[in-house]
Amino acid sequence: DRDRGDGYYMAVPAFVGHKKDMGRLKLLLTDLKPKSSYCLIFSYRLA
């Protein structure tokens, strides 16, 4: 849950798994036009 209470974000708590374990979240992109540019903008936090 977001601090402001308006929805949520995706997170991995520090205590999950063992050192070097990986978690992957994949965004499937469809309908991107060939030979064009896009910008992926995102918020992130390493706390």
All heavy atoms as atom14 arrays in JSON, in Angstrom:
{
  "sequence": "DRDRGDGYYMAVPAFVGHKKDMGRLKLLLTDLKPKSSYCLIFSYRLA",
  "atom14_mask": [
    [1, 1, 1, 1, 1, 1, 1, 1, 0, 0, 0, 0, 0, 0],
    [1, 1, 1, 1, 1, 1, 1, 1, 1, 1, 1, 0, 0, 0],
    [1, 1, 1, 1, 1, 1, 1, 1, 0, 0, 0, 0, 0, 0],
    [1, 1, 1, 1, 1, 1, 1, 1, 1, 1, 1, 0, 0, 0],
    [1, 1, 1, 1, 0, 0, 0, 0, 0, 0, 0, 0, 0, 0],
    [1, 1, 1, 1, 1, 1, 1, 1, 0, 0, 0, 0, 0, 0],
    [1, 1, 1, 1, 0, 0, 0, 0, 0, 0, 0, 0, 0, 0],
    [1, 1, 1, 1, 1, 1, 1, 1, 1, 1, 1, 1, 0, 0],
    [1, 1, 1, 1, 1, 1, 1, 1, 1, 1, 1, 1, 0, 0],
    [1, 1, 1, 1, 1, 1, 1, 1, 0, 0, 0, 0, 0, 0],
    [1, 1, 1, 1, 1, 0, 0, 0, 0, 0, 0, 0, 0, 0],
    [1, 1, 1, 1, 1, 1, 1, 0, 0, 0, 0, 0, 0, 0],
    [1, 1, 1, 1, 1, 1, 1, 0, 0, 0, 0, 0, 0, 0],
    [1, 1, 1, 1, 1, 0, 0, 0, 0, 0, 0, 0, 0, 0],
    [1, 1, 1, 1, 1, 1, 1, 1, 1, 1, 1, 0, 0, 0],
    [1, 1, 1, 1, 1, 1, 1, 0, 0, 0, 0, 0, 0, 0],
    [1, 1, 1, 1, 0, 0, 0, 0, 0, 0, 0, 0, 0, 0],
    [1, 1, 1, 1, 1, 1, 1, 1, 1, 1, 0, 0, 0, 0],
    [1, 1, 1, 1, 1, 1, 1, 1, 1, 0, 0, 0, 0, 0],
    [1, 1, 1, 1, 1, 1, 1, 1, 1, 0, 0, 0, 0, 0],
    [1, 1, 1, 1, 1, 1, 1, 1, 0, 0, 0, 0, 0, 0],
    [1, 1, 1, 1, 1, 1, 1, 1, 0, 0, 0, 0, 0, 0],
    [1, 1, 1, 1, 0, 0, 0, 0, 0, 0, 0, 0, 0, 0],
    [1, 1, 1, 1, 1, 1, 1, 1, 1, 1, 1, 0, 0, 0],
    [1, 1, 1, 1, 1, 1, 1, 1, 0, 0, 0, 0, 0, 0],
    [1, 1, 1, 1, 1, 1, 1, 1, 1, 0, 0, 0, 0, 0],
    [1, 1, 1, 1, 1, 1, 1, 1, 0, 0, 0, 0, 0, 0],
    [1, 1, 1, 1, 1, 1, 1, 1, 0, 0, 0, 0, 0, 0],
    [1, 1, 1, 1, 1, 1, 1, 1, 0, 0, 0, 0, 0, 0],
    [1, 1, 1, 1, 1, 1, 1, 0, 0, 0, 0, 0, 0, 0],
    [1, 1, 1, 1, 1, 1, 1, 1, 0, 0, 0, 0, 0, 0],
    [1, 1, 1, 1, 1, 1, 1, 1, 0, 0, 0, 0, 0, 0],
    [1, 1, 1, 1, 1, 1, 1, 1, 1, 0, 0, 0, 0, 0],
    [1, 1, 1, 1, 1, 1, 1, 0, 0, 0, 0, 0, 0, 0],
    [1, 1, 1, 1, 1, 1, 1, 1, 1, 0, 0, 0, 0, 0],
    [1, 1, 1, 1, 1, 1, 0, 0, 0, 0, 0, 0, 0, 0],
    [1, 1, 1, 1, 1, 1, 0, 0, 0, 0, 0, 0, 0, 0],
    [1, 1, 1, 1, 1, 1, 1, 1, 1, 1, 1, 1, 0, 0],
    [1, 1, 1, 1, 1, 1, 0, 0, 0, 0, 0, 0, 0, 0],
    [1, 1, 1, 1, 1, 1, 1, 1, 0, 0, 0, 0, 0, 0],
    [1, 1, 1, 1, 1, 1, 1, 1, 0, 0, 0, 0, 0, 0],
    [1, 1, 1, 1, 1, 1, 1, 1, 1, 1, 1, 0, 0, 0],
    [1, 1, 1, 1, 1, 1, 0, 0, 0, 0, 0, 0, 0, 0],
    [1, 1, 1, 1, 1, 1, 1, 1, 1, 1, 1, 1, 0, 0],
    [1, 1, 1, 1, 1, 1, 1, 1, 1, 1, 1, 0, 0, 0],
    [1, 1, 1, 1, 1, 1, 1, 1, 0, 0, 0, 0, 0, 0],
    [1, 1, 1, 1, 1, 0, 0, 0, 0, 0, 0, 0, 0, 0]
  ],
  "atom14_positions": [
    [[0.83, -1.21, 0.0], [0.0, 0.0, 0.0], [0.85, 1.25, 0.0], [1.83, 1.33, 0.73], [-0.92, 0.02, 1.23], [-1.99, -1.05, 1.11], [-2.57, -1.2, 0.01], [-2.25, -1.74, 2.11], [0.0, 0.0, 0.0], [0.0, 0.0, 0.0], [0.0, 0.0, 0.0], [0.0, 0.0, 0.0], [0.0, 0.0, 0.0], [0.0, 0.0, 0.0]],
    [[0.45, 2.22, -0.81], [1.15, 3.51, -0.82], [0.86, 4.25, 0.48], [-0.2, 4.1, 1.07], [0.64, 4.37, -1.98], [1.12, 3.88, -3.31], [0.82, 4.92, -4.38], [0.95, 4.32, -5.69], [0.12, 4.56, -6.71], [-0.89, 5.38, -6.56], [0.32, 3.99, -7.87], [0.0, 0.0, 0.0], [0.0, 0.0, 0.0], [0.0, 0.0, 0.0]],
    [[1.83, 5.09, 0.88], [1.68, 5.88, 2.11], [0.44, 6.76, 2.05], [-0.25, 6.95, 3.03], [2.89, 6.79, 2.33], [4.17, 5.96, 2.51], [4.05, 4.77, 2.88], [5.26, 6.5, 2.29], [0.0, 0.0, 0.0], [0.0, 0.0, 0.0], [0.0, 0.0, 0.0], [0.0, 0.0, 0.0], [0.0, 0.0, 0.0], [0.0, 0.0, 0.0]],
    [[0.15, 7.31, 0.88], [-0.98, 8.22, 0.74], [-2.31, 7.48, 0.68], [-3.36, 8.09, 0.63], [-0.81, 9.06, -0.54], [0.45, 9.9, -0.55], [0.55, 10.76, -1.81], [0.43, 10.01, -3.05], [1.43, 9.36, -3.64], [2.62, 9.33, -3.1], [1.23, 8.72, -4.78], [0.0, 0.0, 0.0], [0.0, 0.0, 0.0], [0.0, 0.0, 0.0]],
    [[-2.24, 6.14, 0.59], [-3.46, 5.37, 0.58], [-4.17, 5.3, -0.77], [-5.26, 4.76, -0.87], [0.0, 0.0, 0.0], [0.0, 0.0, 0.0], [0.0, 0.0, 0.0], [0.0, 0.0, 0.0], [0.0, 0.0, 0.0], [0.0, 0.0, 0.0], [0.0, 0.0, 0.0], [0.0, 0.0, 0.0], [0.0, 0.0, 0.0], [0.0, 0.0, 0.0]],
    [[-3.56, 5.86, -1.82], [-4.22, 5.84, -3.13], [-3.62, 4.74, -4.0], [-2.82, 4.98, -4.88], [-4.11, 7.21, -3.82], [-2.67, 7.64, -4.01], [-1.77, 7.03, -3.39], [-2.44, 8.58, -4.79], [0.0, 0.0, 0.0], [0.0, 0.0, 0.0], [0.0, 0.0, 0.0], [0.0, 0.0, 0.0], [0.0, 0.0, 0.0], [0.0, 0.0, 0.0]],
    [[-4.01, 3.53, -3.74], [-3.52, 2.42, -4.55], [-2.28, 1.78, -3.97], [-2.0, 1.92, -2.78], [0.0, 0.0, 0.0], [0.0, 0.0, 0.0], [0.0, 0.0, 0.0], [0.0, 0.0, 0.0], [0.0, 0.0, 0.0], [0.0, 0.0, 0.0], [0.0, 0.0, 0.0], [0.0, 0.0, 0.0], [0.0, 0.0, 0.0], [0.0, 0.0, 0.0]],
    [[-1.56, 1.07, -4.81], [-0.39, 0.35, -4.32], [0.74, 0.35, -5.33], [0.58, 0.75, -6.48], [-0.79, -1.09, -3.94], [-1.32, -1.93, -5.08], [-0.45, -2.72, -5.83], [-2.66, -1.96, -5.4], [-0.93, -3.5, -6.87], [-3.15, -2.73, -6.44], [-2.27, -3.51, -7.17], [-2.73, -4.28, -8.21], [0.0, 0.0, 0.0], [0.0, 0.0, 0.0]],
    [[1.9, -0.07, -4.87], [3.07, -0.25, -5.72], [3.53, -1.69, -5.56], [2.97, -2.44, -4.75], [4.18, 0.75, -5.35], [4.7, 0.63, -3.94], [5.86, -0.08, -3.67], [4.05, 1.26, -2.87], [6.35, -0.18, -2.36], [4.53, 1.17, -1.58], [5.68, 0.44, -1.33], [6.17, 0.33, -0.06], [0.0, 0.0, 0.0], [0.0, 0.0, 0.0]],
    [[4.53, -2.11, -6.33], [5.04, -3.47, -6.21], [6.35, -3.43, -5.45], [7.2, -2.56, -5.69], [5.25, -4.1, -7.58], [3.96, -4.32, -8.34], [2.75, -5.36, -7.48], [3.3, -6.98, -7.97], [0.0, 0.0, 0.0], [0.0, 0.0, 0.0], [0.0, 0.0, 0.0], [0.0, 0.0, 0.0], [0.0, 0.0, 0.0], [0.0, 0.0, 0.0]],
    [[6.52, -4.38, -4.53], [7.68, -4.34, -3.65], [8.22, -5.73, -3.35], [7.5, -6.72, -3.43], [7.31, -3.64, -2.35], [0.0, 0.0, 0.0], [0.0, 0.0, 0.0], [0.0, 0.0, 0.0], [0.0, 0.0, 0.0], [0.0, 0.0, 0.0], [0.0, 0.0, 0.0], [0.0, 0.0, 0.0], [0.0, 0.0, 0.0], [0.0, 0.0, 0.0]],
    [[9.5, -5.74, -2.99], [10.14, -6.94, -2.47], [10.76, -6.54, -1.13], [11.7, -5.74, -1.1], [11.25, -7.45, -3.42], [11.96, -8.63, -2.79], [10.67, -7.82, -4.77], [0.0, 0.0, 0.0], [0.0, 0.0, 0.0], [0.0, 0.0, 0.0], [0.0, 0.0, 0.0], [0.0, 0.0, 0.0], [0.0, 0.0, 0.0], [0.0, 0.0, 0.0]],
    [[10.24, -7.07, -0.01], [10.85, -6.77, 1.28], [12.25, -7.37, 1.37], [12.52, -8.4, 0.76], [9.92, -7.44, 2.29], [8.69, -7.82, 1.53], [9.08, -7.94, 0.1], [0.0, 0.0, 0.0], [0.0, 0.0, 0.0], [0.0, 0.0, 0.0], [0.0, 0.0, 0.0], [0.0, 0.0, 0.0], [0.0, 0.0, 0.0], [0.0, 0.0, 0.0]],
    [[13.13, -6.71, 2.12], [14.54, -7.13, 2.19], [14.73, -8.54, 2.75], [15.7, -9.2, 2.42], [15.32, -6.14, 3.05], [0.0, 0.0, 0.0], [0.0, 0.0, 0.0], [0.0, 0.0, 0.0], [0.0, 0.0, 0.0], [0.0, 0.0, 0.0], [0.0, 0.0, 0.0], [0.0, 0.0, 0.0], [0.0, 0.0, 0.0], [0.0, 0.0, 0.0]],
    [[13.81, -9.01, 3.58], [14.04, -10.3, 4.24], [13.58, -11.49, 3.41], [13.72, -12.63, 3.82], [13.35, -10.32, 5.61], [11.88, -10.0, 5.54], [10.96, -10.95, 5.14], [11.43, -8.72, 5.84], [9.62, -10.65, 5.05], [10.08, -8.41, 5.75], [9.17, -9.38, 5.36], [0.0, 0.0, 0.0], [0.0, 0.0, 0.0], [0.0, 0.0, 0.0]],
    [[13.0, -11.25, 2.23], [12.49, -12.36, 1.41], [13.65, -13.11, 0.75], [14.53, -12.5, 0.16], [11.52, -11.83, 0.33], [11.23, -12.88, -0.71], [10.24, -11.35, 0.97], [0.0, 0.0, 0.0], [0.0, 0.0, 0.0], [0.0, 0.0, 0.0], [0.0, 0.0, 0.0], [0.0, 0.0, 0.0], [0.0, 0.0, 0.0], [0.0, 0.0, 0.0]],
    [[13.65, -14.43, 0.86], [14.64, -15.24, 0.15], [16.01, -15.2, 0.8], [16.2, -14.74, 1.92], [0.0, 0.0, 0.0], [0.0, 0.0, 0.0], [0.0, 0.0, 0.0], [0.0, 0.0, 0.0], [0.0, 0.0, 0.0], [0.0, 0.0, 0.0], [0.0, 0.0, 0.0], [0.0, 0.0, 0.0], [0.0, 0.0, 0.0], [0.0, 0.0, 0.0]],
    [[16.99, -15.71, 0.06], [18.39, -15.75, 0.5], [19.2, -14.78, -0.32], [18.78, -14.39, -1.4], [18.96, -17.16, 0.31], [18.18, -18.2, 1.04], [18.23, -18.35, 2.41], [17.32, -19.14, 0.58], [17.44, -19.35, 2.76], [16.87, -19.84, 1.67], [0.0, 0.0, 0.0], [0.0, 0.0, 0.0], [0.0, 0.0, 0.0], [0.0, 0.0, 0.0]],
    [[20.4, -14.44, 0.16], [21.28, -13.54, -0.58], [21.43, -14.05, -2.01], [21.56, -15.25, -2.23], [22.64, -13.5, 0.13], [23.55, -12.45, -0.43], [24.77, -12.28, 0.43], [25.67, -11.25, -0.18], [26.83, -11.79, -0.83], [0.0, 0.0, 0.0], [0.0, 0.0, 0.0], [0.0, 0.0, 0.0], [0.0, 0.0, 0.0], [0.0, 0.0, 0.0]],
    [[21.41, -13.13, -2.97], [21.54, -13.4, -4.4], [20.29, -14.01, -5.06], [20.29, -14.24, -6.25], [22.74, -14.34, -4.71], [24.08, -13.8, -4.29], [24.6, -12.82, -5.31], [26.03, -12.41, -5.02], [26.36, -11.12, -5.62], [0.0, 0.0, 0.0], [0.0, 0.0, 0.0], [0.0, 0.0, 0.0], [0.0, 0.0, 0.0], [0.0, 0.0, 0.0]],
    [[19.24, -14.3, -4.28], [18.0, -14.76, -4.9], [17.42, -13.64, -5.77], [17.64, -12.46, -5.5], [16.96, -15.13, -3.83], [17.13, -16.55, -3.32], [18.08, -17.23, -3.75], [16.3, -16.98, -2.49], [0.0, 0.0, 0.0], [0.0, 0.0, 0.0], [0.0, 0.0, 0.0], [0.0, 0.0, 0.0], [0.0, 0.0, 0.0], [0.0, 0.0, 0.0]],
    [[16.69, -14.02, -6.8], [16.12, -13.06, -7.75], [14.6, -13.15, -7.79], [14.05, -14.25, -7.7], [16.58, -13.38, -9.18], [18.06, -13.5, -9.35], [18.77, -11.88, -9.49], [20.43, -12.34, -9.91], [0.0, 0.0, 0.0], [0.0, 0.0, 0.0], [0.0, 0.0, 0.0], [0.0, 0.0, 0.0], [0.0, 0.0, 0.0], [0.0, 0.0, 0.0]],
    [[13.96, -12.0, -7.99], [12.53, -11.96, -8.28], [12.33, -11.09, -9.5], [12.86, -9.99, -9.57], [0.0, 0.0, 0.0], [0.0, 0.0, 0.0], [0.0, 0.0, 0.0], [0.0, 0.0, 0.0], [0.0, 0.0, 0.0], [0.0, 0.0, 0.0], [0.0, 0.0, 0.0], [0.0, 0.0, 0.0], [0.0, 0.0, 0.0], [0.0, 0.0, 0.0]],
    [[11.59, -11.6, -10.48], [11.41, -10.85, -11.72], [9.93, -10.58, -12.0], [9.11, -11.48, -11.89], [12.02, -11.62, -12.89], [13.53, -11.54, -12.89], [14.14, -12.22, -14.09], [14.1, -13.66, -13.97], [15.04, -14.4, -13.35], [16.09, -13.83, -12.82], [14.91, -15.7, -13.29], [0.0, 0.0, 0.0], [0.0, 0.0, 0.0], [0.0, 0.0, 0.0]],
    [[9.66, -9.34, -12.36], [8.31, -8.9, -12.72], [8.39, -8.4, -14.15], [9.17, -7.5, -14.46], [7.89, -7.78, -11.78], [6.46, -7.31, -11.85], [5.5, -8.44, -11.49], [6.26, -6.14, -10.9], [0.0, 0.0, 0.0], [0.0, 0.0, 0.0], [0.0, 0.0, 0.0], [0.0, 0.0, 0.0], [0.0, 0.0, 0.0], [0.0, 0.0, 0.0]],
    [[7.61, -9.02, -15.02], [7.73, -8.74, -16.45], [6.52, -7.95, -16.94], [5.38, -8.29, -16.64], [7.82, -10.07, -17.19], [8.2, -9.93, -18.65], [8.35, -11.28, -19.3], [9.73, -11.84, -19.06], [10.01, -13.03, -19.89], [0.0, 0.0, 0.0], [0.0, 0.0, 0.0], [0.0, 0.0, 0.0], [0.0, 0.0, 0.0], [0.0, 0.0, 0.0]],
    [[6.81, -6.9, -17.71], [5.78, -6.09, -18.35], [5.74, -6.5, -19.81], [6.73, -6.33, -20.53], [6.14, -4.61, -18.21], [5.31, -3.62, -19.02], [3.85, -3.7, -18.64], [5.83, -2.21, -18.8], [0.0, 0.0, 0.0], [0.0, 0.0, 0.0], [0.0, 0.0, 0.0], [0.0, 0.0, 0.0], [0.0, 0.0, 0.0], [0.0, 0.0, 0.0]],
    [[4.61, -7.07, -20.24], [4.48, -7.48, -21.64], [4.03, -6.28, -22.46], [3.04, -5.63, -22.13], [3.48, -8.63, -21.77], [3.83, -9.86, -20.94], [2.78, -10.94, -21.1], [5.2, -10.4, -21.33], [0.0, 0.0, 0.0], [0.0, 0.0, 0.0], [0.0, 0.0, 0.0], [0.0, 0.0, 0.0], [0.0, 0.0, 0.0], [0.0, 0.0, 0.0]],
    [[4.77, -5.98, -23.51], [4.47, -4.83, -24.35], [3.9, -5.32, -25.67], [4.49, -6.17, -26.34], [5.74, -4.03, -24.64], [6.46, -3.47, -23.42], [7.77, -2.85, -23.84], [5.59, -2.44, -22.72], [0.0, 0.0, 0.0], [0.0, 0.0, 0.0], [0.0, 0.0, 0.0], [0.0, 0.0, 0.0], [0.0, 0.0, 0.0], [0.0, 0.0, 0.0]],
    [[2.75, -4.78, -26.04], [2.18, -5.14, -27.33], [1.94, -3.86, -28.1], [1.87, -2.78, -27.53], [0.85, -5.9, -27.15], [0.03, -5.13, -26.27], [1.08, -7.27, -26.54], [0.0, 0.0, 0.0], [0.0, 0.0, 0.0], [0.0, 0.0, 0.0], [0.0, 0.0, 0.0], [0.0, 0.0, 0.0], [0.0, 0.0, 0.0], [0.0, 0.0, 0.0]],
    [[1.83, -3.98, -29.38], [1.49, -2.84, -30.25], [2.51, -1.71, -30.26], [2.16, -0.58, -30.55], [0.13, -2.24, -29.86], [-0.97, -3.3, -29.84], [-0.84, -4.27, -30.61], [-1.92, -3.16, -29.07], [0.0, 0.0, 0.0], [0.0, 0.0, 0.0], [0.0, 0.0, 0.0], [0.0, 0.0, 0.0], [0.0, 0.0, 0.0], [0.0, 0.0, 0.0]],
    [[3.77, -1.98, -29.93], [4.76, -0.93, -30.11], [5.13, -0.89, -31.58], [5.37, -1.92, -32.19], [6.03, -1.2, -29.28], [5.89, -1.14, -27.76], [7.27, -1.1, -27.13], [5.09, 0.06, -27.31], [0.0, 0.0, 0.0], [0.0, 0.0, 0.0], [0.0, 0.0, 0.0], [0.0, 0.0, 0.0], [0.0, 0.0, 0.0], [0.0, 0.0, 0.0]],
    [[5.17, 0.31, -32.14], [5.46, 0.42, -33.58], [6.95, 0.22, -33.84], [7.78, 0.77, -33.13], [5.05, 1.8, -34.08], [3.58, 2.05, -33.99], [3.26, 3.47, -34.49], [1.8, 3.82, -34.28], [1.41, 3.83, -32.86], [0.0, 0.0, 0.0], [0.0, 0.0, 0.0], [0.0, 0.0, 0.0], [0.0, 0.0, 0.0], [0.0, 0.0, 0.0]],
    [[7.28, -0.55, -34.89], [8.7, -0.69, -35.25], [9.28, 0.66, -35.69], [8.54, 1.55, -36.1], [8.71, -1.68, -36.41], [7.32, -2.16, -36.58], [6.41, -1.32, -35.75], [0.0, 0.0, 0.0], [0.0, 0.0, 0.0], [0.0, 0.0, 0.0], [0.0, 0.0, 0.0], [0.0, 0.0, 0.0], [0.0, 0.0, 0.0], [0.0, 0.0, 0.0]],
    [[10.58, 0.77, -35.59], [11.32, 1.97, -36.01], [10.79, 3.23, -35.33], [10.63, 4.27, -35.96], [11.28, 2.13, -37.53], [11.94, 0.96, -38.27], [12.18, 1.31, -39.71], [13.05, 0.28, -40.42], [12.61, -1.11, -40.28], [0.0, 0.0, 0.0], [0.0, 0.0, 0.0], [0.0, 0.0, 0.0], [0.0, 0.0, 0.0], [0.0, 0.0, 0.0]],
    [[10.51, 3.13, -34.06], [10.1, 4.32, -33.32], [10.72, 4.28, -31.93], [11.2, 3.24, -31.49], [8.58, 4.43, -33.25], [8.02, 3.2, -32.88], [0.0, 0.0, 0.0], [0.0, 0.0, 0.0], [0.0, 0.0, 0.0], [0.0, 0.0, 0.0], [0.0, 0.0, 0.0], [0.0, 0.0, 0.0], [0.0, 0.0, 0.0], [0.0, 0.0, 0.0]],
    [[10.7, 5.42, -31.26], [11.31, 5.53, -29.94], [10.24, 5.64, -28.86], [9.21, 6.27, -29.08], [12.17, 6.79, -29.85], [13.18, 6.73, -30.79], [0.0, 0.0, 0.0], [0.0, 0.0, 0.0], [0.0, 0.0, 0.0], [0.0, 0.0, 0.0], [0.0, 0.0, 0.0], [0.0, 0.0, 0.0], [0.0, 0.0, 0.0], [0.0, 0.0, 0.0]],
    [[10.56, 5.06, -27.72], [9.68, 5.16, -26.57], [10.54, 5.47, -25.35], [11.74, 5.22, -25.34], [8.93, 3.85, -26.33], [7.93, 3.53, -27.4], [8.32, 2.81, -28.53], [6.61, 3.96, -27.32], [7.41, 2.54, -29.54], [5.71, 3.68, -28.32], [6.11, 2.96, -29.43], [5.21, 2.7, -30.42], [0.0, 0.0, 0.0], [0.0, 0.0, 0.0]],
    [[9.89, 5.99, -24.33], [10.58, 6.22, -23.06], [9.78, 5.54, -21.97], [8.58, 5.76, -21.84], [10.66, 7.72, -22.79], [11.52, 8.07, -21.24], [0.0, 0.0, 0.0], [0.0, 0.0, 0.0], [0.0, 0.0, 0.0], [0.0, 0.0, 0.0], [0.0, 0.0, 0.0], [0.0, 0.0, 0.0], [0.0, 0.0, 0.0], [0.0, 0.0, 0.0]],
    [[10.47, 4.69, -21.21], [9.87, 4.04, -20.06], [10.26, 4.87, -18.84], [11.45, 5.05, -18.57], [10.39, 2.61, -19.92], [9.77, 1.8, -18.8], [8.36, 1.34, -19.21], [10.63, 0.59, -18.48], [0.0, 0.0, 0.0], [0.0, 0.0, 0.0], [0.0, 0.0, 0.0], [0.0, 0.0, 0.0], [0.0, 0.0, 0.0], [0.0, 0.0, 0.0]],
    [[9.28, 5.4, -18.13], [9.54, 6.23, -16.94], [8.93, 5.5, -15.75], [7.8, 5.0, -15.85], [8.9, 7.62, -17.1], [9.42, 8.3, -18.37], [9.18, 8.49, -15.88], [8.71, 9.59, -18.74], [0.0, 0.0, 0.0], [0.0, 0.0, 0.0], [0.0, 0.0, 0.0], [0.0, 0.0, 0.0], [0.0, 0.0, 0.0], [0.0, 0.0, 0.0]],
    [[9.65, 5.42, -14.66], [9.14, 4.7, -13.49], [9.7, 5.29, -12.21], [10.73, 5.96, -12.22], [9.49, 3.2, -13.58], [10.96, 2.93, -13.72], [11.75, 2.62, -12.61], [11.57, 2.97, -14.97], [13.11, 2.37, -12.74], [12.93, 2.72, -15.11], [13.7, 2.41, -13.99], [0.0, 0.0, 0.0], [0.0, 0.0, 0.0], [0.0, 0.0, 0.0]],
    [[8.99, 5.06, -11.12], [9.47, 5.44, -9.8], [10.07, 4.2, -9.16], [9.55, 3.1, -9.34], [8.32, 5.94, -8.93], [7.7, 7.04, -9.52], [0.0, 0.0, 0.0], [0.0, 0.0, 0.0], [0.0, 0.0, 0.0], [0.0, 0.0, 0.0], [0.0, 0.0, 0.0], [0.0, 0.0, 0.0], [0.0, 0.0, 0.0], [0.0, 0.0, 0.0]],
    [[11.14, 4.4, -8.41], [11.75, 3.26, -7.72], [12.3, 3.71, -6.38], [12.55, 4.89, -6.17], [12.86, 2.63, -8.57], [14.08, 3.49, -8.73], [15.17, 3.36, -7.86], [14.14, 4.46, -9.73], [16.28, 4.18, -7.99], [15.25, 5.27, -9.86], [16.32, 5.12, -8.99], [17.42, 5.93, -9.11], [0.0, 0.0, 0.0], [0.0, 0.0, 0.0]],
    [[12.46, 2.74, -5.49], [13.0, 3.03, -4.18], [13.81, 1.83, -3.7], [13.35, 0.7, -3.79], [11.87, 3.31, -3.2], [12.36, 3.67, -1.82], [11.25, 4.2, -0.98], [10.39, 3.11, -0.53], [9.53, 3.22, 0.47], [9.37, 4.37, 1.09], [8.79, 2.21, 0.83], [0.0, 0.0, 0.0], [0.0, 0.0, 0.0], [0.0, 0.0, 0.0]],
    [[15.02, 2.1, -3.22], [15.83, 1.08, -2.57], [16.01, 1.57, -1.15], [16.79, 2.47, -0.9], [17.18, 0.93, -3.26], [17.11, 0.36, -4.68], [18.12, 1.01, -5.58], [17.29, -1.13, -4.68], [0.0, 0.0, 0.0], [0.0, 0.0, 0.0], [0.0, 0.0, 0.0], [0.0, 0.0, 0.0], [0.0, 0.0, 0.0], [0.0, 0.0, 0.0]],
    [[15.22, 1.0, -0.22], [15.24, 1.47, 1.16], [15.89, 0.42, 2.04], [15.56, -0.76, 1.94], [13.82, 1.74, 1.63], [0.0, 0.0, 0.0], [0.0, 0.0, 0.0], [0.0, 0.0, 0.0], [0.0, 0.0, 0.0], [0.0, 0.0, 0.0], [0.0, 0.0, 0.0], [0.0, 0.0, 0.0], [0.0, 0.0, 0.0], [0.0, 0.0, 0.0]]
  ]
}
